Amino acid sequence: DESGALVPADLMAVRWVDPGPEPGCGRHVVPGTTTMLRTGPMLEATWTVQLNYLASADGEIEVGFPSREPARVEVTEGPGTVYVRVPGGGDGLQVRTATPGMSVCVGAGPVGVVVPR
């Protein structure tokens, strides 16, 4: 909720991050590069992304639309899922590693709005 407390909710998908071209990985985000996650056209708004990942180490990634400041997100080594609120719009999200030497695979997942149960 607005005060930061966890409440039961669902993510209502408007678009999906595509599964990516690499079998067993999706999109490989390597250190020093920015990778585009294709979503299709999205209006300017604040969106929530379910980011399914496989990280080579504990660290941080940055996620956002190209026209806006990215959100910084902690990830843990191995497979995981994080939910990220990102303002903006366009045809896709950018992801880059913020931790030196860490690489991340990003798979398919919904992009949309959070609705209380």
PDB file of N, CA and C in Angstrom:
ATOM      1  N   ASP A   1       0.834  -1.181   0.000  1.00  0.00           N
ATOM      2  CA  ASP A   1       0.000   0.000   0.000  1.00  0.00           C
ATOM      3  C   ASP A   1       0.886   1.255   0.000  1.00  0.00           C
ATOM      4  N   GLU A   2       0.275   2.410   0.062  1.00  0.00           N
ATOM      5  CA  GLU A   2       1.030   3.669  -0.014  1.00  0.00           C
ATOM      6  C   GLU A   2       1.974   3.884   1.165  1.00  0.00           C
ATOM      7  N   SER A   3       1.723   3.191   2.299  1.00  0.00           N
ATOM      8  CA  SER A   3       2.602   3.354   3.462  1.00  0.00           C
ATOM      9  C   SER A   3       3.740   2.344   3.465  1.00  0.00           C
ATOM     10  N   GLY A   4       3.761   1.439   2.476  1.00  0.00           N
ATOM     11  CA  GLY A   4       4.844   0.471   2.372  1.00  0.00           C
ATOM     12  C   GLY A   4       4.525  -0.894   2.955  1.00  0.00           C
ATOM     13  N   ALA A   5       3.331  -1.075   3.526  1.00  0.00           N
ATOM     14  CA  ALA A   5       2.942  -2.366   4.083  1.00  0.00           C
ATOM     15  C   ALA A   5       2.550  -3.326   2.963  1.00  0.00           C
ATOM     16  N   LEU A   6       2.907  -4.603   3.132  1.00  0.00           N
ATOM     17  CA  LEU A   6       2.513  -5.616   2.149  1.00  0.00           C
ATOM     18  C   LEU A   6       1.039  -5.948   2.303  1.00  0.00           C
ATOM     19  N   VAL A   7       0.337  -5.985   1.195  1.00  0.00           N
ATOM     20  CA  VAL A   7      -1.080  -6.357   1.178  1.00  0.00           C
ATOM     21  C   VAL A   7      -1.294  -7.357   0.037  1.00  0.00           C
ATOM     22  N   PRO A   8      -2.273  -8.253   0.167  1.00  0.00           N
ATOM     23  CA  PRO A   8      -2.548  -9.190  -0.928  1.00  0.00           C
ATOM     24  C   PRO A   8      -2.945  -8.425  -2.194  1.00  0.00           C
ATOM     25  N   ALA A   9      -2.321  -8.780  -3.303  1.00  0.00           N
ATOM     26  CA  ALA A   9      -2.600  -8.096  -4.569  1.00  0.00           C
ATOM     27  C   ALA A   9      -2.254  -9.020  -5.729  1.00  0.00           C
ATOM     28  N   ASP A  10      -2.698  -8.630  -6.898  1.00  0.00           N
ATOM     29  CA  ASP A  10      -2.379  -9.343  -8.135  1.00  0.00           C
ATOM     30  C   ASP A  10      -1.817  -8.353  -9.141  1.00  0.00           C
ATOM     31  N   LEU A  11      -1.038  -8.856 -10.067  1.00  0.00           N
ATOM     32  CA  LEU A  11      -0.516  -8.030 -11.152  1.00  0.00           C
ATOM     33  C   LEU A  11      -1.382  -8.282 -12.380  1.00  0.00           C
ATOM     34  N   MET A  12      -2.131  -7.256 -12.786  1.00  0.00           N
ATOM     35  CA  MET A  12      -2.981  -7.364 -13.974  1.00  0.00           C
ATOM     36  C   MET A  12      -2.125  -7.014 -15.193  1.00  0.00           C
ATOM     37  N   ALA A  13      -1.840  -8.011 -16.003  1.00  0.00           N
ATOM     38  CA  ALA A  13      -0.945  -7.832 -17.147  1.00  0.00           C
ATOM     39  C   ALA A  13      -1.591  -6.995 -18.240  1.00  0.00           C
ATOM     40  N   VAL A  14      -0.821  -6.045 -18.757  1.00  0.00           N
ATOM     41  CA  VAL A  14      -1.205  -5.248 -19.918  1.00  0.00           C
ATOM     42  C   VAL A  14      -0.351  -5.689 -21.110  1.00  0.00           C
ATOM     43  N   ARG A  15       0.893  -5.978 -20.841  1.00  0.00           N
ATOM     44  CA  ARG A  15       1.847  -6.490 -21.831  1.00  0.00           C
ATOM     45  C   ARG A  15       2.712  -7.542 -21.152  1.00  0.00           C
ATOM     46  N   TRP A  16       3.552  -8.193 -21.953  1.00  0.00           N
ATOM     47  CA  TRP A  16       4.482  -9.197 -21.443  1.00  0.00           C
ATOM     48  C   TRP A  16       5.883  -8.905 -21.947  1.00  0.00           C
ATOM     49  N   VAL A  17       6.867  -9.094 -21.081  1.00  0.00           N
ATOM     50  CA  VAL A  17       8.257  -9.114 -21.524  1.00  0.00           C
ATOM     51  C   VAL A  17       8.399 -10.391 -22.345  1.00  0.00           C
ATOM     52  N   ASP A  18       8.970 -10.270 -23.534  1.00  0.00           N
ATOM     53  CA  ASP A  18       9.088 -11.460 -24.383  1.00  0.00           C
ATOM     54  C   ASP A  18      10.080 -12.455 -23.777  1.00  0.00           C
ATOM     55  N   PRO A  19       9.976 -13.738 -24.165  1.00  0.00           N
ATOM     56  CA  PRO A  19      10.813 -14.764 -23.541  1.00  0.00           C
ATOM     57  C   PRO A  19      12.294 -14.685 -23.920  1.00  0.00           C
ATOM     58  N   GLY A  20      12.637 -13.950 -24.953  1.00  0.00           N
ATOM     59  CA  GLY A  20      14.043 -13.836 -25.341  1.00  0.00           C
ATOM     60  C   GLY A  20      14.503 -14.994 -26.204  1.00  0.00           C
ATOM     61  N   PRO A  21      15.643 -14.797 -26.888  1.00  0.00           N
ATOM     62  CA  PRO A  21      16.092 -15.760 -27.883  1.00  0.00           C
ATOM     63  C   PRO A  21      16.972 -16.901 -27.365  1.00  0.00           C
ATOM     64  N   GLU A  22      17.475 -16.807 -26.135  1.00  0.00           N
ATOM     65  CA  GLU A  22      18.447 -17.794 -25.666  1.00  0.00           C
ATOM     66  C   GLU A  22      17.766 -18.882 -24.842  1.00  0.00           C
ATOM     67  N   PRO A  23      17.779 -20.130 -25.330  1.00  0.00           N
ATOM     68  CA  PRO A  23      17.140 -21.229 -24.595  1.00  0.00           C
ATOM     69  C   PRO A  23      17.710 -21.346 -23.180  1.00  0.00           C
ATOM     70  N   GLY A  24      16.812 -21.498 -22.204  1.00  0.00           N
ATOM     71  CA  GLY A  24      17.230 -21.645 -20.820  1.00  0.00           C
ATOM     72  C   GLY A  24      17.699 -20.359 -20.161  1.00  0.00           C
ATOM     73  N   CYS A  25      17.666 -19.250 -20.907  1.00  0.00           N
ATOM     74  CA  CYS A  25      18.135 -17.976 -20.358  1.00  0.00           C
ATOM     75  C   CYS A  25      17.168 -16.844 -20.642  1.00  0.00           C
ATOM     76  N   GLY A  26      16.622 -16.769 -21.801  1.00  0.00           N
ATOM     77  CA  GLY A  26      15.800 -15.625 -22.200  1.00  0.00           C
ATOM     78  C   GLY A  26      16.670 -14.560 -22.833  1.00  0.00           C
ATOM     79  N   ARG A  27      16.913 -13.486 -22.105  1.00  0.00           N
ATOM     80  CA  ARG A  27      17.845 -12.437 -22.557  1.00  0.00           C
ATOM     81  C   ARG A  27      18.995 -12.388 -21.585  1.00  0.00           C
ATOM     82  N   HIS A  28      20.208 -12.486 -22.113  1.00  0.00           N
ATOM     83  CA  HIS A  28      21.413 -12.487 -21.280  1.00  0.00           C
ATOM     84  C   HIS A  28      21.923 -11.059 -21.135  1.00  0.00           C
ATOM     85  N   VAL A  29      21.936 -10.555 -19.911  1.00  0.00           N
ATOM     86  CA  VAL A  29      22.415  -9.210 -19.611  1.00  0.00           C
ATOM     87  C   VAL A  29      23.817  -9.359 -19.045  1.00  0.00           C
ATOM     88  N   VAL A  30      24.800  -8.960 -19.825  1.00  0.00           N
ATOM     89  CA  VAL A  30      26.191  -9.109 -19.410  1.00  0.00           C
ATOM     90  C   VAL A  30      26.719  -7.782 -18.865  1.00  0.00           C
ATOM     91  N   PRO A  31      27.736  -7.836 -17.996  1.00  0.00           N
ATOM     92  CA  PRO A  31      28.282  -6.603 -17.425  1.00  0.00           C
ATOM     93  C   PRO A  31      28.690  -5.597 -18.501  1.00  0.00           C
ATOM     94  N   GLY A  32      28.387  -4.329 -18.238  1.00  0.00           N
ATOM     95  CA  GLY A  32      28.795  -3.257 -19.141  1.00  0.00           C
ATOM     96  C   GLY A  32      27.870  -3.016 -20.317  1.00  0.00           C
ATOM     97  N   THR A  33      26.756  -3.741 -20.386  1.00  0.00           N
ATOM     98  CA  THR A  33      25.833  -3.554 -21.502  1.00  0.00           C
ATOM     99  C   THR A  33      24.425  -3.283 -20.992  1.00  0.00           C
ATOM    100  N   THR A  34      23.606  -2.723 -21.854  1.00  0.00           N
ATOM    101  CA  THR A  34      22.187  -2.531 -21.571  1.00  0.00           C
ATOM    102  C   THR A  34      21.417  -3.403 -22.543  1.00  0.00           C
ATOM    103  N   THR A  35      20.461  -4.152 -22.034  1.00  0.00           N
ATOM    104  CA  THR A  35      19.662  -5.061 -22.850  1.00  0.00           C
ATOM    105  C   THR A  35      18.223  -4.587 -22.887  1.00  0.00           C
ATOM    106  N   MET A  36      17.633  -4.623 -24.058  1.00  0.00           N
ATOM    107  CA  MET A  36      16.233  -4.221 -24.222  1.00  0.00           C
ATOM    108  C   MET A  36      15.328  -5.430 -24.067  1.00  0.00           C
ATOM    109  N   LEU A  37      14.333  -5.313 -23.194  1.00  0.00           N
ATOM    110  CA  LEU A  37      13.291  -6.320 -23.050  1.00  0.00           C
ATOM    111  C   LEU A  37      12.083  -5.821 -23.815  1.00  0.00           C
ATOM    112  N   ARG A  38      11.675  -6.524 -24.842  1.00  0.00           N
ATOM    113  CA  ARG A  38      10.550  -6.101 -25.681  1.00  0.00           C
ATOM    114  C   ARG A  38       9.222  -6.331 -24.970  1.00  0.00           C
ATOM    115  N   THR A  39       8.374  -5.301 -24.980  1.00  0.00           N
ATOM    116  CA  THR A  39       7.061  -5.403 -24.344  1.00  0.00           C
ATOM    117  C   THR A  39       5.921  -5.038 -25.281  1.00  0.00           C
ATOM    118  N   GLY A  40       6.202  -4.365 -26.375  1.00  0.00           N
ATOM    119  CA  GLY A  40       5.143  -3.788 -27.195  1.00  0.00           C
ATOM    120  C   GLY A  40       4.859  -2.390 -26.690  1.00  0.00           C
ATOM    121  N   PRO A  41       4.067  -1.617 -27.421  1.00  0.00           N
ATOM    122  CA  PRO A  41       3.848  -0.216 -27.047  1.00  0.00           C
ATOM    123  C   PRO A  41       3.120  -0.083 -25.705  1.00  0.00           C
ATOM    124  N   MET A  42       3.602   0.839 -24.876  1.00  0.00           N
ATOM    125  CA  MET A  42       2.994   1.103 -23.575  1.00  0.00           C
ATOM    126  C   MET A  42       2.844   2.604 -23.388  1.00  0.00           C
ATOM    127  N   LEU A  43       1.691   3.033 -22.905  1.00  0.00           N
ATOM    128  CA  LEU A  43       1.441   4.440 -22.616  1.00  0.00           C
ATOM    129  C   LEU A  43       2.293   4.897 -21.434  1.00  0.00           C
ATOM    130  N   GLU A  44       2.490   6.206 -21.330  1.00  0.00           N
ATOM    131  CA  GLU A  44       3.184   6.778 -20.178  1.00  0.00           C
ATOM    132  C   GLU A  44       2.343   6.549 -18.930  1.00  0.00           C
ATOM    133  N   ALA A  45       2.921   5.873 -17.951  1.00  0.00           N
ATOM    134  CA  ALA A  45       2.254   5.596 -16.680  1.00  0.00           C
ATOM    135  C   ALA A  45       3.304   5.027 -15.733  1.00  0.00           C
ATOM    136  N   THR A  46       2.889   4.639 -14.553  1.00  0.00           N
ATOM    137  CA  THR A  46       3.774   3.898 -13.656  1.00  0.00           C
ATOM    138  C   THR A  46       3.336   2.448 -13.710  1.00  0.00           C
ATOM    139  N   TRP A  47       4.237   1.591 -14.172  1.00  0.00           N
ATOM    140  CA  TRP A  47       3.948   0.180 -14.405  1.00  0.00           C
ATOM    141  C   TRP A  47       4.679  -0.679 -13.380  1.00  0.00           C
ATOM    142  N   THR A  48       4.168  -1.886 -13.178  1.00  0.00           N
ATOM    143  CA  THR A  48       4.863  -2.872 -12.353  1.00  0.00           C
ATOM    144  C   THR A  48       5.279  -4.019 -13.261  1.00  0.00           C
ATOM    145  N   VAL A  49       6.537  -4.419 -13.124  1.00  0.00           N
ATOM    146  CA  VAL A  49       7.108  -5.485 -13.937  1.00  0.00           C
ATOM    147  C   VAL A  49       7.417  -6.672 -13.039  1.00  0.00           C
ATOM    148  N   GLN A  50       6.973  -7.856 -13.433  1.00  0.00           N
ATOM    149  CA  GLN A  50       7.409  -9.081 -12.768  1.00  0.00           C
ATOM    150  C   GLN A  50       8.646  -9.539 -13.529  1.00  0.00           C
ATOM    151  N   LEU A  51       9.796  -9.411 -12.910  1.00  0.00           N
ATOM    152  CA  LEU A  51      11.052  -9.735 -13.573  1.00  0.00           C
ATOM    153  C   LEU A  51      11.543 -11.086 -13.064  1.00  0.00           C
ATOM    154  N   ASN A  52      11.501 -12.093 -13.927  1.00  0.00           N
ATOM    155  CA  ASN A  52      11.980 -13.433 -13.607  1.00  0.00           C
ATOM    156  C   ASN A  52      13.420 -13.530 -14.084  1.00  0.00           C
ATOM    157  N   TYR A  53      14.325 -13.889 -13.191  1.00  0.00           N
ATOM    158  CA  TYR A  53      15.746 -13.799 -13.522  1.00  0.00           C
ATOM    159  C   TYR A  53      16.532 -15.009 -13.024  1.00  0.00           C
ATOM    160  N   LEU A  54      17.739 -15.120 -13.528  1.00  0.00           N
ATOM    161  CA  LEU A  54      18.751 -16.055 -13.053  1.00  0.00           C
ATOM    162  C   LEU A  54      20.038 -15.256 -12.967  1.00  0.00           C
ATOM    163  N   ALA A  55      20.527 -15.005 -11.749  1.00  0.00           N
ATOM    164  CA  ALA A  55      21.701 -14.148 -11.548  1.00  0.00           C
ATOM    165  C   ALA A  55      22.932 -14.986 -11.205  1.00  0.00           C
ATOM    166  N   SER A  56      24.080 -14.554 -11.705  1.00  0.00           N
ATOM    167  CA  SER A  56      25.336 -15.258 -11.441  1.00  0.00           C
ATOM    168  C   SER A  56      25.875 -14.972 -10.040  1.00  0.00           C
ATOM    169  N   ALA A  57      25.370 -13.920  -9.377  1.00  0.00           N
ATOM    170  CA  ALA A  57      25.830 -13.541  -8.043  1.00  0.00           C
ATOM    171  C   ALA A  57      24.796 -12.614  -7.407  1.00  0.00           C
ATOM    172  N   ASP A  58      24.914 -12.390  -6.102  1.00  0.00           N
ATOM    173  CA  ASP A  58      24.100 -11.372  -5.448  1.00  0.00           C
ATOM    174  C   ASP A  58      24.528 -10.010  -5.974  1.00  0.00           C
ATOM    175  N   GLY A  59      23.579  -9.101  -6.160  1.00  0.00           N
ATOM    176  CA  GLY A  59      23.945  -7.772  -6.643  1.00  0.00           C
ATOM    177  C   GLY A  59      22.730  -6.943  -6.956  1.00  0.00           C
ATOM    178  N   GLU A  60      22.916  -5.972  -7.841  1.00  0.00           N
ATOM    179  CA  GLU A  60      21.832  -5.080  -8.233  1.00  0.00           C
ATOM    180  C   GLU A  60      21.753  -4.970  -9.743  1.00  0.00           C
ATOM    181  N   ILE A  61      20.521  -4.764 -10.218  1.00  0.00           N
ATOM    182  CA  ILE A  61      20.288  -4.463 -11.620  1.00  0.00           C
ATOM    183  C   ILE A  61      19.487  -3.174 -11.688  1.00  0.00           C
ATOM    184  N   GLU A  62      19.499  -2.540 -12.850  1.00  0.00           N
ATOM    185  CA  GLU A  62      18.690  -1.351 -13.092  1.00  0.00           C
ATOM    186  C   GLU A  62      17.676  -1.671 -14.172  1.00  0.00           C
ATOM    187  N   VAL A  63      16.420  -1.270 -13.942  1.00  0.00           N
ATOM    188  CA  VAL A  63      15.317  -1.560 -14.859  1.00  0.00           C
ATOM    189  C   VAL A  63      14.541  -0.278 -15.102  1.00  0.00           C
ATOM    190  N   GLY A  64      14.250   0.028 -16.366  1.00  0.00           N
ATOM    191  CA  GLY A  64      13.443   1.209 -16.641  1.00  0.00           C
ATOM    192  C   GLY A  64      13.216   1.431 -18.117  1.00  0.00           C
ATOM    193  N   PHE A  65      12.337   2.373 -18.405  1.00  0.00           N
ATOM    194  CA  PHE A  65      12.102   2.785 -19.780  1.00  0.00           C
ATOM    195  C   PHE A  65      13.219   3.742 -20.193  1.00  0.00           C
ATOM    196  N   PRO A  66      13.590   3.747 -21.463  1.00  0.00           N
ATOM    197  CA  PRO A  66      14.720   4.570 -21.916  1.00  0.00           C
ATOM    198  C   PRO A  66      14.599   6.053 -21.581  1.00  0.00           C
ATOM    199  N   SER A  67      13.386   6.600 -21.511  1.00  0.00           N
ATOM    200  CA  SER A  67      13.215   8.037 -21.292  1.00  0.00           C
ATOM    201  C   SER A  67      13.215   8.427 -19.813  1.00  0.00           C
ATOM    202  N   ARG A  68      13.352   7.468 -18.908  1.00  0.00           N
ATOM    203  CA  ARG A  68      13.244   7.745 -17.468  1.00  0.00           C
ATOM    204  C   ARG A  68      14.428   7.184 -16.692  1.00  0.00           C
ATOM    205  N   GLU A  69      14.583   7.686 -15.475  1.00  0.00           N
ATOM    206  CA  GLU A  69      15.600   7.167 -14.555  1.00  0.00           C
ATOM    207  C   GLU A  69      15.230   5.731 -14.177  1.00  0.00           C
ATOM    208  N   PRO A  70      16.167   4.782 -14.268  1.00  0.00           N
ATOM    209  CA  PRO A  70      15.829   3.392 -13.955  1.00  0.00           C
ATOM    210  C   PRO A  70      15.679   3.157 -12.450  1.00  0.00           C
ATOM    211  N   ALA A  71      14.937   2.118 -12.112  1.00  0.00           N
ATOM    212  CA  ALA A  71      14.822   1.662 -10.727  1.00  0.00           C
ATOM    213  C   ALA A  71      15.961   0.692 -10.456  1.00  0.00           C
ATOM    214  N   ARG A  72      16.551   0.781  -9.286  1.00  0.00           N
ATOM    215  CA  ARG A  72      17.621  -0.131  -8.886  1.00  0.00           C
ATOM    216  C   ARG A  72      17.002  -1.233  -8.032  1.00  0.00           C
ATOM    217  N   VAL A  73      17.336  -2.485  -8.349  1.00  0.00           N
ATOM    218  CA  VAL A  73      16.705  -3.632  -7.721  1.00  0.00           C
ATOM    219  C   VAL A  73      17.768  -4.628  -7.261  1.00  0.00           C
ATOM    220  N   GLU A  74      17.623  -5.115  -6.027  1.00  0.00           N
ATOM    221  CA  GLU A  74      18.521  -6.160  -5.539  1.00  0.00           C
ATOM    222  C   GLU A  74      18.069  -7.514  -6.070  1.00  0.00           C
ATOM    223  N   VAL A  75      19.049  -8.327  -6.489  1.00  0.00           N
ATOM    224  CA  VAL A  75      18.791  -9.698  -6.905  1.00  0.00           C
ATOM    225  C   VAL A  75      19.736 -10.605  -6.135  1.00  0.00           C
ATOM    226  N   THR A  76      19.347 -11.860  -5.986  1.00  0.00           N
ATOM    227  CA  THR A  76      20.196 -12.827  -5.295  1.00  0.00           C
ATOM    228  C   THR A  76      20.673 -13.875  -6.289  1.00  0.00           C
ATOM    229  N   GLU A  77      21.788 -14.472  -5.979  1.00  0.00           N
ATOM    230  CA  GLU A  77      22.358 -15.496  -6.858  1.00  0.00           C
ATOM    231  C   GLU A  77      21.357 -16.621  -7.083  1.00  0.00           C
ATOM    232  N   GLY A  78      21.289 -17.073  -8.335  1.00  0.00           N
ATOM    233  CA  GLY A  78      20.378 -18.144  -8.691  1.00  0.00           C
ATOM    234  C   GLY A  78      19.092 -17.605  -9.286  1.00  0.00           C
ATOM    235  N   PRO A  79      18.066 -18.470  -9.372  1.00  0.00           N
ATOM    236  CA  PRO A  79      16.797 -18.023  -9.947  1.00  0.00           C
ATOM    237  C   PRO A  79      15.998 -17.207  -8.938  1.00  0.00           C
ATOM    238  N   GLY A  80      15.216 -16.257  -9.439  1.00  0.00           N
ATOM    239  CA  GLY A  80      14.381 -15.448  -8.560  1.00  0.00           C
ATOM    240  C   GLY A  80      13.373 -14.628  -9.337  1.00  0.00           C
ATOM    241  N   THR A  81      12.519 -13.964  -8.596  1.00  0.00           N
ATOM    242  CA  THR A  81      11.513 -13.064  -9.159  1.00  0.00           C
ATOM    243  C   THR A  81      11.476 -11.811  -8.305  1.00  0.00           C
ATOM    244  N   VAL A  82      11.474 -10.656  -8.958  1.00  0.00           N
ATOM    245  CA  VAL A  82      11.291  -9.383  -8.271  1.00  0.00           C
ATOM    246  C   VAL A  82      10.188  -8.620  -8.985  1.00  0.00           C
ATOM    247  N   TYR A  83       9.508  -7.759  -8.225  1.00  0.00           N
ATOM    248  CA  TYR A  83       8.484  -6.887  -8.781  1.00  0.00           C
ATOM    249  C   TYR A  83       9.028  -5.473  -8.705  1.00  0.00           C
ATOM    250  N   VAL A  84       9.028  -4.781  -9.849  1.00  0.00           N
ATOM    251  CA  VAL A  84       9.653  -3.470  -9.948  1.00  0.00           C
ATOM    252  C   VAL A  84       8.642  -2.463 -10.478  1.00  0.00           C
ATOM    253  N   ARG A  85       8.515  -1.321  -9.795  1.00  0.00           N
ATOM    254  CA  ARG A  85       7.656  -0.227 -10.290  1.00  0.00           C
ATOM    255  C   ARG A  85       8.517   0.699 -11.119  1.00  0.00           C
ATOM    256  N   VAL A  86       8.100   0.902 -12.360  1.00  0.00           N
ATOM    257  CA  VAL A  86       8.860   1.747 -13.276  1.00  0.00           C
ATOM    258  C   VAL A  86       7.943   2.747 -13.964  1.00  0.00           C
ATOM    259  N   PRO A  87       8.274   4.024 -13.891  1.00  0.00           N
ATOM    260  CA  PRO A  87       7.495   5.027 -14.616  1.00  0.00           C
ATOM    261  C   PRO A  87       7.964   5.117 -16.060  1.00  0.00           C
ATOM    262  N   GLY A  88       7.053   5.465 -16.961  1.00  0.00           N
ATOM    263  CA  GLY A  88       7.433   5.693 -18.352  1.00  0.00           C
ATOM    264  C   GLY A  88       6.561   4.939 -19.317  1.00  0.00           C
ATOM    265  N   GLY A  89       7.036   4.836 -20.536  1.00  0.00           N
ATOM    266  CA  GLY A  89       6.312   4.154 -21.584  1.00  0.00           C
ATOM    267  C   GLY A  89       7.211   3.946 -22.783  1.00  0.00           C
ATOM    268  N   GLY A  90       6.683   3.278 -23.775  1.00  0.00           N
ATOM    269  CA  GLY A  90       7.456   3.003 -24.978  1.00  0.00           C
ATOM    270  C   GLY A  90       7.324   1.547 -25.378  1.00  0.00           C
ATOM    271  N   ASP A  91       8.264   1.086 -26.197  1.00  0.00           N
ATOM    272  CA  ASP A  91       8.201  -0.271 -26.742  1.00  0.00           C
ATOM    273  C   ASP A  91       8.959  -1.308 -25.927  1.00  0.00           C
ATOM    274  N   GLY A  92       9.685  -0.897 -24.913  1.00  0.00           N
ATOM    275  CA  GLY A  92      10.423  -1.885 -24.151  1.00  0.00           C
ATOM    276  C   GLY A  92      11.146  -1.291 -22.966  1.00  0.00           C
ATOM    277  N   LEU A  93      11.571  -2.181 -22.099  1.00  0.00           N
ATOM    278  CA  LEU A  93      12.312  -1.822 -20.899  1.00  0.00           C
ATOM    279  C   LEU A  93      13.792  -2.092 -21.102  1.00  0.00           C
ATOM    280  N   GLN A  94      14.616  -1.288 -20.449  1.00  0.00           N
ATOM    281  CA  GLN A  94      16.049  -1.535 -20.478  1.00  0.00           C
ATOM    282  C   GLN A  94      16.479  -2.146 -19.152  1.00  0.00           C
ATOM    283  N   VAL A  95      17.389  -3.104 -19.226  1.00  0.00           N
ATOM    284  CA  VAL A  95      17.958  -3.734 -18.036  1.00  0.00           C
ATOM    285  C   VAL A  95      19.469  -3.722 -18.176  1.00  0.00           C
ATOM    286  N   ARG A  96      20.147  -3.394 -17.077  1.00  0.00           N
ATOM    287  CA  ARG A  96      21.602  -3.497 -17.063  1.00  0.00           C
ATOM    288  C   ARG A  96      22.043  -3.909 -15.672  1.00  0.00           C
ATOM    289  N   THR A  97      23.191  -4.552 -15.607  1.00  0.00           N
ATOM    290  CA  THR A  97      23.722  -4.930 -14.306  1.00  0.00           C
ATOM    291  C   THR A  97      24.363  -3.702 -13.674  1.00  0.00           C
ATOM    292  N   ALA A  98      24.180  -3.551 -12.375  1.00  0.00           N
ATOM    293  CA  ALA A  98      24.784  -2.440 -11.645  1.00  0.00           C
ATOM    294  C   ALA A  98      25.903  -2.945 -10.738  1.00  0.00           C
ATOM    295  N   THR A  99      26.122  -4.257 -10.726  1.00  0.00           N
ATOM    296  CA  THR A  99      27.168  -4.873  -9.926  1.00  0.00           C
ATOM    297  C   THR A  99      28.258  -5.393 -10.861  1.00  0.00           C
ATOM    298  N   PRO A 100      29.499  -4.921 -10.706  1.00  0.00           N
ATOM    299  CA  PRO A 100      30.579  -5.370 -11.591  1.00  0.00           C
ATOM    300  C   PRO A 100      30.728  -6.895 -11.582  1.00  0.00           C
ATOM    301  N   GLY A 101      30.884  -7.461 -12.776  1.00  0.00           N
ATOM    302  CA  GLY A 101      31.131  -8.888 -12.920  1.00  0.00           C
ATOM    303  C   GLY A 101      29.903  -9.780 -12.860  1.00  0.00           C
ATOM    304  N   MET A 102      28.746  -9.243 -12.528  1.00  0.00           N
ATOM    305  CA  MET A 102      27.537 -10.048 -12.419  1.00  0.00           C
ATOM    306  C   MET A 102      26.807 -10.075 -13.761  1.00  0.00           C
ATOM    307  N   SER A 103      26.338 -11.248 -14.154  1.00  0.00           N
ATOM    308  CA  SER A 103      25.483 -11.341 -15.335  1.00  0.00           C
ATOM    309  C   SER A 103      24.140 -11.906 -14.900  1.00  0.00           C
ATOM    310  N   VAL A 104      23.109 -11.600 -15.704  1.00  0.00           N
ATOM    311  CA  VAL A 104      21.748 -11.991 -15.367  1.00  0.00           C
ATOM    312  C   VAL A 104      21.041 -12.450 -16.634  1.00  0.00           C
ATOM    313  N   CYS A 105      20.280 -13.525 -16.518  1.00  0.00           N
ATOM    314  CA  CYS A 105      19.357 -13.931 -17.573  1.00  0.00           C
ATOM    315  C   CYS A 105      17.969 -13.466 -17.150  1.00  0.00           C
ATOM    316  N   VAL A 106      17.226 -12.889 -18.088  1.00  0.00           N
ATOM    317  CA  VAL A 106      15.876 -12.406 -17.812  1.00  0.00           C
ATOM    318  C   VAL A 106      14.898 -13.135 -18.714  1.00  0.00           C
ATOM    319  N   GLY A 107      13.879 -13.732 -18.109  1.00  0.00           N
ATOM    320  CA  GLY A 107      12.870 -14.462 -18.850  1.00  0.00           C
ATOM    321  C   GLY A 107      11.584 -13.681 -19.014  1.00  0.00           C
ATOM    322  N   ALA A 108      10.584 -14.334 -19.553  1.00  0.00           N
ATOM    323  CA  ALA A 108       9.279 -13.714 -19.790  1.00  0.00           C
ATOM    324  C   ALA A 108       8.571 -13.387 -18.486  1.00  0.00           C
ATOM    325  N   GLY A 109       7.723 -12.370 -18.528  1.00  0.00           N
ATOM    326  CA  GLY A 109       6.930 -11.998 -17.361  1.00  0.00           C
ATOM    327  C   GLY A 109       5.980 -10.879 -17.691  1.00  0.00           C
ATOM    328  N   PRO A 110       4.937 -10.698 -16.873  1.00  0.00           N
ATOM    329  CA  PRO A 110       3.951  -9.656 -17.137  1.00  0.00           C
ATOM    330  C   PRO A 110       4.415  -8.262 -16.756  1.00  0.00           C
ATOM    331  N   VAL A 111       3.838  -7.277 -17.442  1.00  0.00           N
ATOM    332  CA  VAL A 111       3.999  -5.860 -17.131  1.00  0.00           C
ATOM    333  C   VAL A 111       2.588  -5.310 -17.042  1.00  0.00           C
ATOM    334  N   GLY A 112       2.270  -4.620 -15.959  1.00  0.00           N
ATOM    335  CA  GLY A 112       0.915  -4.117 -15.822  1.00  0.00           C
ATOM    336  C   GLY A 112       0.711  -3.269 -14.596  1.00  0.00           C
ATOM    337  N   VAL A 113      -0.453  -3.403 -13.994  1.00  0.00           N
ATOM    338  CA  VAL A 113      -0.800  -2.626 -12.809  1.00  0.00           C
ATOM    339  C   VAL A 113      -1.154  -3.569 -11.671  1.00  0.00           C
ATOM    340  N   VAL A 114      -0.816  -3.147 -10.465  1.00  0.00           N
ATOM    341  CA  VAL A 114      -1.120  -3.933  -9.273  1.00  0.00           C
ATOM    342  C   VAL A 114      -2.532  -3.588  -8.828  1.00  0.00           C
ATOM    343  N   VAL A 115      -3.341  -4.630  -8.571  1.00  0.00           N
ATOM    344  CA  VAL A 115      -4.701  -4.423  -8.080  1.00  0.00           C
ATOM    345  C   VAL A 115      -4.863  -5.206  -6.778  1.00  0.00           C
ATOM    346  N   PRO A 116      -5.450  -4.546  -5.745  1.00  0.00           N
ATOM    347  CA  PRO A 116      -5.676  -5.250  -4.476  1.00  0.00           C
ATOM    348  C   PRO A 116      -6.655  -6.401  -4.671  1.00  0.00           C
ATOM    349  N   ARG A 117      -6.478  -7.448  -3.887  1.00  0.00           N
ATOM    350  CA  ARG A 117      -7.413  -8.590  -3.939  1.00  0.00           C
ATOM    351  C   ARG A 117      -8.677  -8.247  -3.206  1.00  0.00           C
TER     352      ARG A 117
END
